[in-house]
Protein backbone atom coordinates (compact mmCIF):
# COMPACT_ATOMS: atom_id res chain seq x y z
CA MET A 1 -19.55 -9.23 -3.32
CA LEU A 2 -15.74 -9.39 -3.60
CA LYS A 3 -15.63 -13.18 -3.41
CA ASP A 4 -17.46 -13.43 -6.75
CA ILE A 5 -15.28 -10.90 -8.59
CA LYS A 6 -12.51 -11.96 -10.97
CA ILE A 7 -9.36 -9.94 -10.37
CA ALA A 8 -6.26 -9.62 -12.55
CA ILE A 9 -3.03 -8.16 -11.17
CA ILE A 10 -0.81 -7.29 -14.11
CA GLY A 11 2.84 -6.88 -13.22
CA CYS A 12 2.50 -8.56 -9.84
CA GLY A 13 5.56 -7.38 -7.92
CA ASN A 14 6.06 -6.79 -4.20
CA LEU A 15 2.99 -4.60 -3.73
CA GLY A 16 0.80 -6.83 -5.88
CA SER A 17 2.00 -9.89 -3.98
CA SER A 18 1.09 -8.22 -0.68
CA ILE A 19 -2.44 -7.66 -1.98
CA VAL A 20 -2.60 -11.28 -3.12
CA ASN A 21 -1.56 -12.57 0.30
CA GLY A 22 -4.17 -10.38 1.96
CA LEU A 23 -6.92 -11.61 -0.38
CA LEU A 24 -5.96 -15.25 0.09
CA ASN A 25 -6.35 -14.81 3.85
CA LEU A 26 -9.85 -13.40 3.32
CA GLU A 27 -12.57 -15.81 4.40
CA GLY A 28 -14.63 -17.01 1.45
CA PHE A 29 -12.33 -15.61 -1.24
CA ASN A 30 -11.87 -17.99 -4.19
CA PRO A 31 -8.20 -18.16 -5.32
CA GLU A 32 -9.35 -19.29 -8.78
CA ASN A 33 -10.71 -15.77 -9.31
CA LEU A 34 -7.17 -14.38 -9.22
CA HIS A 35 -5.06 -13.97 -12.37
CA LEU A 36 -1.46 -12.86 -11.82
CA THR A 37 0.92 -11.91 -14.59
CA LYS A 38 4.57 -11.03 -14.67
CA ARG A 39 7.16 -10.99 -17.42
CA ASN A 40 9.01 -13.72 -15.55
CA PRO A 41 6.44 -15.29 -13.19
CA SER A 42 8.75 -17.95 -11.74
CA ASN A 43 8.69 -16.47 -8.22
CA LEU A 44 4.87 -16.54 -8.25
CA LEU A 45 4.43 -20.14 -9.34
CA TYR A 46 4.09 -21.37 -5.75
CA LEU A 47 0.68 -19.66 -5.71
CA GLN A 48 -0.60 -22.10 -8.30
CA ASP A 49 -0.77 -24.72 -5.56
CA LYS A 50 -3.34 -22.49 -3.85
CA GLY A 51 -5.48 -22.27 -7.00
CA VAL A 52 -4.25 -18.88 -8.27
CA ARG A 53 -3.71 -18.59 -12.02
CA VAL A 54 -0.15 -17.44 -12.75
CA HIS A 55 1.29 -16.74 -16.20
CA SER A 56 2.78 -14.00 -18.40
CA ASP A 57 -0.12 -13.31 -20.81
CA ASN A 58 -1.59 -9.90 -19.96
CA LEU A 59 -4.30 -10.14 -22.61
CA ILE A 60 -5.77 -13.35 -21.20
CA ALA A 61 -5.70 -11.98 -17.65
CA ALA A 62 -7.33 -8.66 -18.62
CA ALA A 63 -9.97 -10.25 -20.83
CA GLN A 64 -11.21 -12.54 -18.05
CA ALA A 65 -11.20 -10.01 -15.21
CA ASP A 66 -13.92 -7.82 -13.77
CA LEU A 67 -11.26 -5.69 -12.08
CA VAL A 68 -7.78 -5.12 -13.50
CA ILE A 69 -5.04 -3.93 -11.15
CA LEU A 70 -1.92 -2.46 -12.75
CA GLY A 71 1.07 -3.23 -10.55
CA VAL A 72 3.67 -2.26 -13.15
CA LYS A 73 6.29 0.48 -12.89
CA PRO A 74 5.08 3.98 -13.79
CA TYR A 75 7.06 4.06 -17.03
CA ASN A 76 5.30 0.86 -18.19
CA VAL A 77 1.71 1.91 -17.52
CA THR A 78 0.94 3.40 -20.94
CA GLU A 79 2.56 0.49 -22.78
CA ILE A 80 0.57 -2.09 -20.80
CA LEU A 81 -2.70 -0.20 -21.20
CA LYS A 82 -2.24 -0.03 -24.96
CA GLU A 83 -1.48 -3.75 -24.98
CA ILE A 84 -4.63 -4.78 -23.11
CA LYS A 85 -7.01 -2.12 -24.48
CA PRO A 86 -8.32 -4.37 -27.32
CA VAL A 87 -9.76 -6.84 -24.78
CA LEU A 88 -11.15 -4.31 -22.29
CA ALA A 89 -14.87 -3.65 -21.90
CA PRO A 90 -14.92 -0.04 -20.60
CA LYS A 91 -18.40 -0.08 -19.07
CA LYS A 92 -18.08 -3.56 -17.56
CA GLN A 93 -14.56 -3.55 -16.13
CA ILE A 94 -12.73 -1.47 -13.56
CA ILE A 95 -9.11 -0.42 -13.99
CA VAL A 96 -7.03 0.31 -10.87
CA SER A 97 -3.52 1.74 -11.19
CA LEU A 98 -1.00 1.43 -8.36
CA ALA A 99 1.63 3.43 -10.25
CA THR A 100 3.18 6.38 -8.45
CA GLY A 101 2.99 9.72 -10.22
CA ILE A 102 0.79 8.63 -13.15
CA THR A 103 -2.37 10.76 -13.19
CA LEU A 104 -5.84 9.70 -14.26
CA ASP A 105 -5.58 12.05 -17.24
CA GLU A 106 -2.39 10.29 -18.33
CA ILE A 107 -4.08 6.91 -17.93
CA TYR A 108 -6.99 8.04 -20.09
CA LEU A 109 -4.63 8.84 -22.94
CA ALA A 110 -4.49 5.06 -23.44
CA LEU A 111 -8.08 4.18 -22.48
CA ASP A 112 -11.60 4.90 -23.68
CA ALA A 113 -12.95 8.03 -22.03
CA ASP A 114 -15.84 6.20 -20.35
CA THR A 115 -13.69 3.58 -18.61
CA VAL A 116 -14.16 3.34 -14.84
CA THR A 117 -10.67 4.03 -13.54
CA TYR A 118 -9.05 4.43 -10.14
CA ARG A 119 -5.69 5.23 -8.67
CA ALA A 120 -4.88 3.47 -5.42
CA MET A 121 -1.88 3.53 -3.12
CA PRO A 122 -1.73 0.71 -0.56
CA ASN A 123 1.39 -0.36 1.30
CA ILE A 124 3.09 -3.69 1.90
CA ALA A 125 1.17 -4.23 5.15
CA ALA A 126 -1.60 -5.45 2.81
CA ASP A 127 0.30 -8.73 3.23
CA ILE A 128 -1.21 -9.06 6.72
CA GLN A 129 -4.44 -7.12 6.02
CA GLU A 130 -3.16 -3.98 7.80
CA SER A 131 -2.56 -1.62 4.87
CA VAL A 132 -3.87 1.91 4.53
CA THR A 133 -4.95 2.54 0.94
CA CYS A 134 -5.73 5.99 -0.44
CA ILE A 135 -8.07 5.97 -3.44
CA CYS A 136 -9.35 8.38 -6.09
CA GLY A 137 -11.24 7.68 -9.29
CA LYS A 138 -13.08 8.87 -12.38
CA ASN A 139 -16.34 7.67 -13.96
CA GLN A 140 -17.17 5.93 -10.69
CA THR A 141 -20.48 4.20 -10.23
CA PRO A 142 -22.07 3.25 -6.91
CA GLU A 143 -21.21 -0.37 -7.70
CA SER A 144 -17.57 0.36 -8.52
CA GLU A 145 -17.17 2.45 -5.37
CA VAL A 146 -18.44 -0.40 -3.21
CA LEU A 147 -16.25 -2.96 -4.99
CA VAL A 148 -12.99 -0.98 -4.92
CA LYS A 149 -13.42 -0.02 -1.28
CA GLU A 150 -14.27 -3.61 -0.39
CA LEU A 151 -11.15 -4.80 -2.23
CA PHE A 152 -8.78 -2.55 -0.33
CA GLU A 153 -10.61 -2.81 2.98
CA SER A 154 -10.10 -6.55 2.71
CA VAL A 155 -6.38 -5.85 3.12
CA GLY A 156 -6.62 -3.01 5.66
CA ILE A 157 -8.46 0.31 5.59
CA SER A 158 -9.19 2.62 2.68
CA ILE A 159 -9.51 6.40 2.48
CA SER A 160 -11.00 8.30 -0.47
CA ILE A 161 -9.03 11.45 -1.28
CA ASP A 162 -8.70 14.08 -4.01
CA GLU A 163 -6.32 13.08 -6.78
CA GLY A 164 -4.14 16.09 -6.00
CA LEU A 165 -3.17 14.39 -2.73
CA MET A 166 -2.23 11.01 -4.22
CA GLU A 167 1.49 11.77 -4.31
CA ALA A 168 1.36 12.97 -0.72
CA ALA A 169 -0.52 9.78 0.18
CA THR A 170 2.22 7.73 -1.44
CA VAL A 171 4.84 9.39 0.75
CA LEU A 172 2.90 9.21 4.01
CA GLY A 173 1.38 5.75 3.58
CA ALA A 174 3.64 3.74 1.25
CA CYS A 175 7.06 5.34 1.81
CA GLY A 176 6.01 5.97 5.40
CA ILE A 177 6.11 2.31 6.33
CA ALA A 178 9.83 2.31 5.48
CA TYR A 179 10.35 5.38 7.66
CA VAL A 180 8.73 3.59 10.61
CA LEU A 181 10.79 0.46 9.98
CA ARG A 182 14.01 2.49 9.91
CA PHE A 183 13.00 4.10 13.23
CA MET A 184 12.39 0.62 14.66
CA ARG A 185 15.74 -0.58 13.40
CA ALA A 186 17.44 2.33 15.20
CA MET A 187 15.56 1.54 18.41
CA ILE A 188 16.69 -2.08 18.21
CA GLN A 189 20.30 -0.98 17.71
CA GLY A 190 19.99 1.24 20.77
CA GLY A 191 18.53 -1.65 22.73
CA ILE A 192 21.48 -3.85 21.83
CA GLN A 193 23.90 -1.12 22.91
CA ILE A 194 22.31 -0.92 26.36
CA GLY A 195 22.47 -4.67 26.92
CA PHE A 196 19.77 -6.66 25.14
CA ASP A 197 20.43 -9.38 22.60
CA ALA A 198 19.02 -8.64 19.12
CA LYS A 199 16.04 -11.02 19.43
CA THR A 200 14.86 -9.62 22.74
CA ALA A 201 15.39 -6.02 21.62
CA SER A 202 13.30 -6.75 18.50
CA GLN A 203 10.47 -8.24 20.57
CA ILE A 204 10.38 -5.24 22.88
CA VAL A 205 10.52 -2.69 20.06
CA ASN A 206 7.96 -4.48 17.87
CA GLN A 207 5.40 -4.64 20.64
CA THR A 208 6.15 -1.09 21.78
CA VAL A 209 5.52 0.32 18.30
CA LYS A 210 2.42 -1.83 17.86
CA GLY A 211 1.12 -0.67 21.24
CA ALA A 212 1.78 2.98 20.43
CA ALA A 213 -0.12 2.73 17.14
CA GLU A 214 -3.07 0.93 18.76
CA LEU A 215 -3.16 3.53 21.51
CA MET A 216 -3.50 6.31 18.94
CA ILE A 217 -6.18 4.40 17.02
CA GLN A 218 -8.31 3.13 19.87
CA LYS A 219 -8.12 6.24 22.08
CA ASN A 220 -8.14 8.69 19.15
CA MET A 221 -5.32 10.58 20.85
CA HIS A 222 -2.82 13.10 19.57
CA PRO A 223 0.75 11.76 20.00
CA GLU A 224 1.71 14.62 22.31
CA GLU A 225 -1.14 13.75 24.65
CA ALA A 226 0.23 10.24 25.07
CA ILE A 227 3.82 11.49 25.34
CA ASP A 228 2.78 13.71 28.27
CA LYS A 229 1.63 10.60 30.12
CA VAL A 230 5.13 9.11 29.89
CA THR A 231 7.33 12.15 30.51
CA THR A 232 7.64 12.71 34.25
CA PRO A 233 9.56 15.72 35.63
CA LYS A 234 13.33 15.15 35.59
CA GLY A 235 12.69 11.65 34.27
CA CYS A 236 14.66 9.55 31.78
CA THR A 237 12.02 9.82 29.03
CA ILE A 238 12.16 13.60 28.70
CA VAL A 239 15.96 13.52 28.75
CA GLY A 240 15.96 11.04 25.85
CA LEU A 241 13.35 12.98 23.89
CA ASN A 242 15.19 16.26 24.33
CA GLU A 243 18.46 14.70 23.20
CA MET A 244 16.74 13.35 20.06
CA GLU A 245 15.30 16.77 19.30
CA HIS A 246 18.71 18.41 19.86
CA GLN A 247 20.06 15.99 17.26
CA GLY A 248 17.29 16.98 14.83
CA PHE A 249 15.01 13.93 15.08
CA SER A 250 11.67 15.56 14.18
CA ALA A 251 13.26 17.92 11.67
CA ALA A 252 15.02 15.02 9.95
CA MET A 253 11.74 13.12 9.70
CA VAL A 254 9.93 16.09 8.17
CA ARG A 255 12.81 16.68 5.74
CA GLY A 256 12.69 13.02 4.73
CA VAL A 257 8.96 13.24 3.99
CA LEU A 258 9.50 16.40 1.94
CA ALA A 259 12.44 14.87 0.04
CA SER A 260 10.36 11.85 -0.97
CA TYR A 261 7.50 14.13 -2.04
CA GLN A 262 9.80 16.30 -4.14
CA LYS A 263 11.19 13.18 -5.81
CA ILE A 264 7.67 12.04 -6.80
CA GLU A 265 6.87 15.48 -8.21
CA LYS A 266 9.81 15.12 -10.60
CA ILE A 267 8.71 11.71 -11.92
């Protein structure tokens, strides 16, 4: 179904580009069905060689799309919606906003009330089809539900949630990837300090984190259950874990999550 749908990504920045890369790696997807716009699209022009349509005209992109993804900054959402509203067909098109902190009610201030509209929050792992995308919507139809889920499951997995959890989803899924990367960076630095060169430390850490995630997914385990398998009495693992906890590791992580969430609430 997705391969026949025309998609416009308006304001195609880092997140939009990750979605694009995921779609282009999808078997059977036609690049000519993708319209990308940006005020200055120069860094997207390389995609034209793959058949993607790249330009700066939001009206043309929106008018020719079955599904319009808004990748613009939150403070630009209303302005862009008002710009493209004259060419939208509310009962025939789907609008998907990626903007943090902009509610469906706020989106509808600039749209017809019967427009099929979604909020979605993927992360940059969409680039390699490993994103987690949380989704909520209004005026959904069975067809739109299938299409939107297929879109985001083509770049990872999707989870339907209540809109009240969208900001929390942004922190855990989108901001969360940065938290994990910072943790990995610290592990690599530790690896260098105990004797590895940077390349080897990176290889070990990357595969270790990947393996840990796959273990949780495939075995459906709680992290503590897996930790217990590694922590032997008087062993080096438990000593390291206890030292991290003494230094506030878990507490710092929780505080970071809460700080990001509080920041979103103020937007």
